[in-house]
Amino acid sequence: MAQELLINKKNRTDRLKHFDFISGVFIIQIIVMHILQFSNRYCDNSIFDFVMQISFFFMPWFYFKSGFFYTQPTKIDFYFIKSKFQKLLVPFAIFGFIGFCINLPYNILTIDRPFLENITSPIIGFLREGSVGFGNAPLWFLLSLFIVNILYAYFDIIKAKYIIIIFPFLGFSLYYFNIKLPLGLSNLFLATFFFGAGSLVRKYMYLVSYRIVIVINLVLYLLLISYAASYIDFRSNNLVNGHYLVYSFSAIVGLILVSGGLTRFSGVRIVNKIGSNSLLYFILHWPLILTCRLLLYLLGISTLGYHFAAITFFVIFISIPLLSSVSGRVLSYRLFRSK
C-alpha cells in the first residue's frame, strides 16, 4: 500500500495507474471476503470461489507492491524504523483499539463468558496472530509488513538480498513441521520473498524483453490455475489446497503478469480511487463491519445472510470516502494518503 510512483527511463515521475487499479480490485476482494465470512455466506458462494481461484495472489500483491517501491536506506537507524513505525504500527495500534471498543459490547451481549476474558482476548490475539483479536483481525498485515521492511533492508544493506530465493523453502518448513511463530509471523519468510520479488522486478523490468516475459507468464498462469491450483492462507501460513512451493511460484507468475501486463491500462476511475486509498480501506473496513453487526443486533435484525452483506458493503463504500475526506482536512493525509 505504498505510493505508486516510478521514475521511468526519461527520469520523469509518473503515477502507475494500473497499480492503483490492481490494489483497488484486491482491496475490494478482501472486503467482500470478510463481509461474506461475517454473513456466513463465504463457503456457499460459487462466484466468489471462482474469483478466489483466479486471483489467489491477492495478498502477496500488497507485499510485492511495497517492495516494488522500496528504496534502499543507507542504514537501519532510529529514523528509518521511526518512519515505518509511524506509517504501519501507529495505525495498527489506533484502529486495533477502535475495533476492540466496537467489538466489546457485542461480545458482552452475545457471549456468556467472564468479562475479564473479553479484555484479555486482544492480548492473546496479538501474541498469537499479530492482530488485536477479533477487534480488527486483518491488522496482522501491518505488523508483518513492518518486520518485512526492516528484514529486507538489512539483507539489502549487507548485499545479501538474493537470499530471499530460499525463503519459500523456509516458509514451507514452518508449515510442514507445524511451527507457529509468535505475533503471527509464521508468514514472515513468504512475505519477505514477495516483497523482495517486487524490488527485483522493478530493477530488472527494463533490462529484458518484458513482452516476452508477460506472454510466458500468461501461459504459465493458465496452466497453473488449470492443473496445479494451490492456495495458502497467508495469515496463518497454512496450505489450503495444492502444494506450498507451487503456490509460491504461481503467485510470482501472477504478480509479474498483472504488474507488467496491465502497464498500458489506465484502470477504472472509482477502482483507482479505492486503490490509492487502500490502506484506509484496509484498516477501517473491519471496524465498520463490526459496527453494522452491533447496530443490526440491537435493532433485532439478523446479521446472517446476503441482506447483512449488502448493507455492510453499502456502508463501507459510502462512509470510507467521507472519512477519507475528513482525514484529509484534519490530518493532511499523513497516515492514509501518499503525496
Protein backbone atom coordinates (compact mmCIF):
# COMPACT_ATOMS: atom_id res chain seq x y z
CA MET A 1 0.00 0.00 0.00
CA ALA A 2 2.80 2.28 -0.96
CA GLN A 3 2.95 5.31 -3.15
CA GLU A 4 2.54 4.27 -6.78
CA LEU A 5 5.26 6.48 -8.20
CA LEU A 6 8.01 5.33 -10.51
CA ILE A 7 10.96 7.04 -12.17
CA ASN A 8 10.76 5.95 -15.77
CA LYS A 9 13.51 5.82 -18.37
CA LYS A 10 13.28 9.54 -19.03
CA ASN A 11 13.57 10.30 -15.30
CA ARG A 12 10.02 11.57 -15.12
CA THR A 13 7.87 10.67 -12.16
CA ASP A 14 4.55 9.14 -13.20
CA ARG A 15 1.85 7.55 -11.11
CA LEU A 16 1.32 3.92 -12.02
CA LYS A 17 -2.42 3.97 -12.50
CA HIS A 18 -2.60 0.25 -13.15
CA PHE A 19 -1.07 -0.35 -9.72
CA ASP A 20 -3.88 1.74 -8.21
CA PHE A 21 -6.38 -0.35 -10.18
CA ILE A 22 -4.90 -3.69 -9.10
CA SER A 23 -4.79 -2.55 -5.47
CA GLY A 24 -8.39 -1.37 -5.74
CA VAL A 25 -9.58 -4.69 -7.15
CA PHE A 26 -7.76 -6.68 -4.48
CA ILE A 27 -8.81 -4.50 -1.54
CA ILE A 28 -12.43 -4.80 -2.70
CA GLN A 29 -11.92 -8.57 -2.87
CA ILE A 30 -10.57 -8.62 0.69
CA ILE A 31 -13.51 -6.58 1.97
CA VAL A 32 -16.07 -8.76 0.19
CA MET A 33 -14.35 -11.87 1.54
CA HIS A 34 -14.61 -10.59 5.11
CA ILE A 35 -18.22 -9.48 4.66
CA LEU A 36 -19.16 -12.95 3.35
CA GLN A 37 -17.39 -14.54 6.32
CA PHE A 38 -19.41 -12.42 8.76
CA SER A 39 -22.66 -13.09 6.92
CA ASN A 40 -21.99 -16.85 6.86
CA ARG A 41 -22.12 -16.93 3.08
CA TYR A 42 -18.44 -17.45 2.30
CA CYS A 43 -18.47 -21.21 1.79
CA ASP A 44 -21.55 -21.44 -0.42
CA ASN A 45 -20.74 -18.71 -2.95
CA SER A 46 -19.54 -20.30 -6.19
CA ILE A 47 -18.92 -16.96 -7.89
CA PHE A 48 -16.59 -15.80 -5.16
CA ASP A 49 -14.90 -19.22 -5.15
CA PHE A 50 -14.06 -18.67 -8.81
CA VAL A 51 -12.75 -15.17 -8.11
CA MET A 52 -10.51 -16.54 -5.37
CA GLN A 53 -9.25 -19.26 -7.68
CA ILE A 54 -8.07 -16.89 -10.41
CA SER A 55 -6.76 -14.18 -8.06
CA PHE A 56 -5.06 -16.41 -5.49
CA PHE A 57 -2.13 -13.97 -5.24
CA PHE A 58 -4.17 -11.03 -3.93
CA MET A 59 -2.44 -10.97 -0.52
CA PRO A 60 1.12 -11.33 -1.88
CA TRP A 61 0.31 -8.37 -4.14
CA PHE A 62 0.48 -5.88 -1.27
CA TYR A 63 3.92 -7.13 -0.22
CA PHE A 64 5.06 -7.17 -3.85
CA LYS A 65 3.82 -3.62 -4.40
CA SER A 66 5.55 -2.35 -1.25
CA GLY A 67 8.76 -3.99 -2.42
CA PHE A 68 8.36 -2.51 -5.88
CA PHE A 69 8.55 1.00 -4.39
CA TYR A 70 11.19 0.11 -1.84
CA THR A 71 14.27 2.34 -1.70
CA GLN A 72 17.43 1.07 -0.07
CA PRO A 73 18.28 3.03 3.09
CA THR A 74 21.87 3.93 3.86
CA LYS A 75 21.49 2.27 7.23
CA ILE A 76 18.85 0.91 9.55
CA ASP A 77 18.77 3.62 12.17
CA PHE A 78 16.27 5.21 14.52
CA TYR A 79 14.82 7.46 11.78
CA PHE A 80 14.29 4.57 9.35
CA ILE A 81 12.50 2.49 12.00
CA LYS A 82 10.54 5.54 13.19
CA SER A 83 9.20 6.24 9.69
CA LYS A 84 8.00 2.65 9.30
CA PHE A 85 6.62 2.68 12.84
CA GLN A 86 4.54 5.80 12.18
CA LYS A 87 3.19 4.53 8.88
CA LEU A 88 2.39 0.96 9.92
CA LEU A 89 2.31 0.45 13.68
CA VAL A 90 0.58 3.70 14.66
CA PRO A 91 -2.49 2.78 12.55
CA PHE A 92 -2.14 -0.77 13.91
CA ALA A 93 -2.47 0.48 17.50
CA ILE A 94 -5.14 3.14 16.89
CA PHE A 95 -7.51 1.10 14.75
CA GLY A 96 -6.90 -2.08 16.69
CA PHE A 97 -8.12 -0.27 19.80
CA ILE A 98 -11.09 1.21 17.92
CA GLY A 99 -12.08 -2.25 16.67
CA PHE A 100 -11.77 -3.66 20.18
CA CYS A 101 -14.05 -0.96 21.60
CA ILE A 102 -16.69 -1.68 18.94
CA ASN A 103 -16.49 -5.44 19.38
CA LEU A 104 -16.54 -5.42 23.19
CA PRO A 105 -20.25 -4.59 23.72
CA TYR A 106 -21.31 -7.19 21.14
CA ASN A 107 -19.26 -9.84 22.92
CA ILE A 108 -20.74 -8.87 26.29
CA LEU A 109 -24.28 -9.11 24.88
CA THR A 110 -23.88 -12.35 22.95
CA ILE A 111 -21.17 -14.46 24.60
CA ASP A 112 -21.59 -15.97 28.05
CA ARG A 113 -18.08 -15.71 29.48
CA PRO A 114 -16.31 -13.80 32.24
CA PHE A 115 -15.89 -10.10 31.49
CA LEU A 116 -12.13 -10.34 32.04
CA GLU A 117 -11.81 -12.73 29.10
CA ASN A 118 -13.23 -10.05 26.83
CA ILE A 119 -10.41 -7.76 27.93
CA THR A 120 -7.59 -10.29 27.72
CA SER A 121 -8.58 -11.78 24.34
CA PRO A 122 -6.97 -8.92 22.34
CA ILE A 123 -3.69 -9.54 24.14
CA ILE A 124 -3.86 -13.24 23.37
CA GLY A 125 -4.81 -12.46 19.77
CA PHE A 126 -1.82 -10.15 19.43
CA LEU A 127 0.63 -12.68 20.83
CA ARG A 128 -0.69 -15.49 18.64
CA GLU A 129 -1.70 -13.80 15.41
CA GLY A 130 -0.20 -10.31 15.47
CA SER A 131 -3.64 -8.68 15.43
CA VAL A 132 -5.99 -7.27 18.04
CA GLY A 133 -8.07 -10.39 18.46
CA PHE A 134 -11.44 -10.11 16.76
CA GLY A 135 -11.44 -6.33 17.14
CA ASN A 136 -9.53 -5.78 13.91
CA ALA A 137 -8.17 -9.11 12.78
CA PRO A 138 -6.70 -8.03 9.39
CA LEU A 139 -4.18 -5.73 11.09
CA TRP A 140 -1.71 -8.63 11.28
CA PHE A 141 -0.61 -7.44 7.83
CA LEU A 142 0.69 -4.10 9.15
CA LEU A 143 2.86 -5.75 11.80
CA SER A 144 4.12 -8.29 9.27
CA LEU A 145 4.96 -5.57 6.72
CA PHE A 146 6.80 -3.56 9.38
CA ILE A 147 9.10 -6.52 10.14
CA VAL A 148 9.49 -7.35 6.44
CA ASN A 149 10.64 -3.80 5.63
CA ILE A 150 13.36 -3.96 8.27
CA LEU A 151 14.43 -7.51 7.43
CA TYR A 152 14.72 -6.92 3.68
CA ALA A 153 16.52 -3.60 4.20
CA TYR A 154 19.06 -5.40 6.40
CA PHE A 155 19.78 -8.05 3.77
CA ASP A 156 19.94 -5.36 1.09
CA ILE A 157 22.48 -3.28 3.02
CA ILE A 158 24.77 -6.27 3.61
CA LYS A 159 24.49 -7.24 -0.10
CA ALA A 160 22.63 -10.47 0.65
CA LYS A 161 19.15 -9.71 -0.67
CA TYR A 162 19.18 -12.68 -3.06
CA ILE A 163 18.92 -14.91 -0.02
CA ILE A 164 15.15 -14.46 -0.37
CA ILE A 165 15.28 -17.20 -3.04
CA ILE A 166 15.40 -19.79 -0.26
CA PHE A 167 12.68 -18.12 1.83
CA PRO A 168 9.75 -20.09 0.33
CA PHE A 169 11.57 -23.26 1.43
CA LEU A 170 11.95 -21.85 4.96
CA GLY A 171 8.27 -20.91 4.99
CA PHE A 172 7.40 -24.41 3.79
CA SER A 173 9.49 -25.87 6.62
CA LEU A 174 7.47 -23.88 9.17
CA TYR A 175 4.27 -25.17 7.62
CA TYR A 176 5.46 -28.77 7.25
CA PHE A 177 6.64 -29.08 10.85
CA ASN A 178 3.65 -27.06 12.13
CA ILE A 179 5.86 -24.39 13.69
CA LYS A 180 3.92 -21.28 14.66
CA LEU A 181 5.94 -18.13 15.27
CA PRO A 182 4.61 -15.62 17.83
CA LEU A 183 2.90 -12.38 16.74
CA GLY A 184 1.51 -14.12 13.67
CA LEU A 185 4.89 -14.00 11.95
CA SER A 186 4.78 -17.53 10.52
CA ASN A 187 4.25 -15.82 7.15
CA LEU A 188 7.44 -13.76 7.51
CA PHE A 189 9.61 -15.77 5.11
CA LEU A 190 6.99 -15.92 2.35
CA ALA A 191 6.08 -12.26 2.86
CA THR A 192 9.74 -11.17 2.58
CA PHE A 193 10.08 -13.30 -0.55
CA PHE A 194 7.22 -11.45 -2.28
CA PHE A 195 8.46 -8.07 -1.01
CA GLY A 196 11.91 -8.78 -2.43
CA ALA A 197 10.41 -10.04 -5.67
CA GLY A 198 8.72 -6.66 -6.13
CA SER A 199 12.03 -4.88 -5.60
CA LEU A 200 13.84 -7.12 -8.08
CA VAL A 201 11.11 -6.88 -10.72
CA ARG A 202 11.40 -3.09 -10.65
CA LYS A 203 15.18 -3.37 -11.01
CA TYR A 204 15.18 -5.73 -13.97
CA MET A 205 11.93 -4.96 -15.78
CA TYR A 206 13.62 -2.64 -18.29
CA LEU A 207 16.61 -4.95 -18.86
CA VAL A 208 14.64 -7.74 -20.53
CA SER A 209 12.08 -8.02 -23.28
CA TYR A 210 9.10 -7.62 -20.99
CA ARG A 211 6.54 -8.52 -23.65
CA ILE A 212 8.08 -11.98 -23.97
CA VAL A 213 8.11 -12.32 -20.17
CA ILE A 214 4.41 -11.43 -20.00
CA VAL A 215 3.46 -13.94 -22.70
CA ILE A 216 5.42 -16.68 -20.94
CA ASN A 217 3.82 -15.80 -17.60
CA LEU A 218 0.35 -15.75 -19.13
CA VAL A 219 0.83 -19.28 -20.46
CA LEU A 220 2.24 -20.43 -17.10
CA TYR A 221 -0.61 -18.76 -15.21
CA LEU A 222 -3.28 -20.51 -17.30
CA LEU A 223 -1.57 -23.87 -16.89
CA LEU A 224 -1.11 -23.44 -13.15
CA ILE A 225 -4.68 -22.44 -12.34
CA SER A 226 -5.98 -25.22 -14.58
CA TYR A 227 -3.82 -28.12 -13.45
CA ALA A 228 -1.88 -27.14 -10.31
CA ALA A 229 -4.14 -24.72 -8.43
CA SER A 230 -2.66 -24.02 -4.98
CA TYR A 231 -3.66 -21.65 -2.23
CA ILE A 232 -2.16 -20.63 1.12
CA ASP A 233 -3.95 -18.83 3.92
CA PHE A 234 -1.33 -16.12 4.16
CA ARG A 235 -2.13 -15.04 7.71
CA SER A 236 -1.58 -18.47 9.21
CA ASN A 237 0.93 -19.78 6.65
CA ASN A 238 -1.29 -22.84 6.23
CA LEU A 239 -1.77 -24.65 2.95
CA VAL A 240 -5.44 -24.77 1.93
CA ASN A 241 -5.03 -26.80 -1.26
CA GLY A 242 -2.33 -27.81 -3.71
CA HIS A 243 1.33 -27.53 -2.77
CA TYR A 244 3.11 -24.82 -0.78
CA LEU A 245 6.05 -24.34 -3.15
CA VAL A 246 3.81 -24.47 -6.21
CA TYR A 247 1.80 -21.64 -4.67
CA SER A 248 4.97 -19.58 -4.13
CA PHE A 249 5.93 -19.98 -7.79
CA SER A 250 2.36 -19.49 -9.05
CA ALA A 251 1.98 -16.23 -7.07
CA ILE A 252 5.17 -14.83 -8.62
CA VAL A 253 3.81 -15.69 -12.06
CA GLY A 254 0.53 -13.90 -11.28
CA LEU A 255 2.28 -10.86 -9.79
CA ILE A 256 4.57 -10.39 -12.78
CA LEU A 257 1.62 -10.90 -15.10
CA VAL A 258 -0.58 -8.17 -13.63
CA SER A 259 2.21 -5.69 -12.77
CA GLY A 260 3.68 -5.87 -16.26
CA GLY A 261 0.77 -6.94 -18.43
CA LEU A 262 -1.51 -4.09 -17.38
CA THR A 263 1.10 -1.35 -17.84
CA ARG A 264 -0.86 0.41 -20.57
CA PHE A 265 -4.19 0.04 -18.77
CA SER A 266 -5.26 3.24 -17.03
CA GLY A 267 -7.83 1.43 -14.91
CA VAL A 268 -11.31 2.45 -13.81
CA ARG A 269 -11.55 5.76 -12.00
CA ILE A 270 -13.58 4.65 -8.98
CA VAL A 271 -11.48 1.49 -8.53
CA ASN A 272 -8.27 3.51 -8.92
CA LYS A 273 -9.51 5.88 -6.21
CA ILE A 274 -10.14 2.99 -3.86
CA GLY A 275 -6.72 1.55 -4.68
CA SER A 276 -4.94 4.83 -3.98
CA ASN A 277 -6.58 4.80 -0.52
CA SER A 278 -6.12 1.06 0.02
CA LEU A 279 -4.56 1.44 3.47
CA LEU A 280 -7.54 3.43 4.71
CA TYR A 281 -9.99 0.84 3.36
CA PHE A 282 -7.89 -1.94 4.85
CA ILE A 283 -7.77 -0.62 8.42
CA LEU A 284 -11.36 0.68 8.53
CA HIS A 285 -13.46 -1.99 6.85
CA TRP A 286 -13.37 -4.48 9.74
CA PRO A 287 -14.47 -1.96 12.43
CA LEU A 288 -17.27 -0.86 10.07
CA ILE A 289 -18.41 -4.47 9.66
CA LEU A 290 -18.43 -4.80 13.45
CA THR A 291 -20.41 -1.57 13.76
CA CYS A 292 -23.06 -2.78 11.31
CA ARG A 293 -23.30 -6.10 13.14
CA LEU A 294 -23.73 -4.42 16.52
CA LEU A 295 -26.37 -1.95 15.31
CA LEU A 296 -28.38 -4.60 13.46
CA TYR A 297 -28.24 -6.87 16.51
CA LEU A 298 -29.56 -4.07 18.74
CA LEU A 299 -32.35 -3.47 16.23
CA GLY A 300 -33.27 -7.15 16.26
CA ILE A 301 -32.24 -7.70 12.63
CA SER A 302 -30.39 -10.87 11.66
CA THR A 303 -26.68 -10.44 10.97
CA LEU A 304 -26.56 -13.53 8.75
CA GLY A 305 -27.37 -13.77 5.06
CA TYR A 306 -26.95 -11.64 1.99
CA HIS A 307 -29.06 -8.78 3.38
CA PHE A 308 -26.36 -8.19 6.00
CA ALA A 309 -23.67 -8.45 3.32
CA ALA A 310 -25.43 -5.88 1.14
CA ILE A 311 -25.99 -3.42 4.00
CA THR A 312 -22.39 -3.70 5.18
CA PHE A 313 -20.97 -3.34 1.68
CA PHE A 314 -23.02 -0.18 1.15
CA VAL A 315 -21.97 1.31 4.50
CA ILE A 316 -18.28 0.65 3.90
CA PHE A 317 -18.08 2.10 0.41
CA ILE A 318 -20.14 5.16 1.32
CA SER A 319 -18.59 6.00 4.68
CA ILE A 320 -14.89 5.45 3.92
CA PRO A 321 -14.72 8.06 1.14
CA LEU A 322 -16.36 10.51 3.57
CA LEU A 323 -13.89 9.58 6.29
CA SER A 324 -11.07 9.94 3.78
CA SER A 325 -12.18 13.48 3.03
CA VAL A 326 -12.35 14.34 6.72
CA SER A 327 -8.96 12.78 7.46
CA GLY A 328 -7.50 14.78 4.60
CA ARG A 329 -8.63 18.05 6.14
CA VAL A 330 -7.76 17.16 9.71
CA LEU A 331 -4.60 15.10 9.30
CA SER A 332 -3.35 16.31 5.90
CA TYR A 333 -3.39 12.68 4.78
CA ARG A 334 -0.26 11.93 6.80
CA LEU A 335 -1.46 8.49 7.84
CA PHE A 336 -3.58 7.50 4.90
CA ARG A 337 -2.55 9.22 1.71
CA SER A 338 0.56 9.27 -0.42
CA LYS A 339 1.83 12.58 -1.73
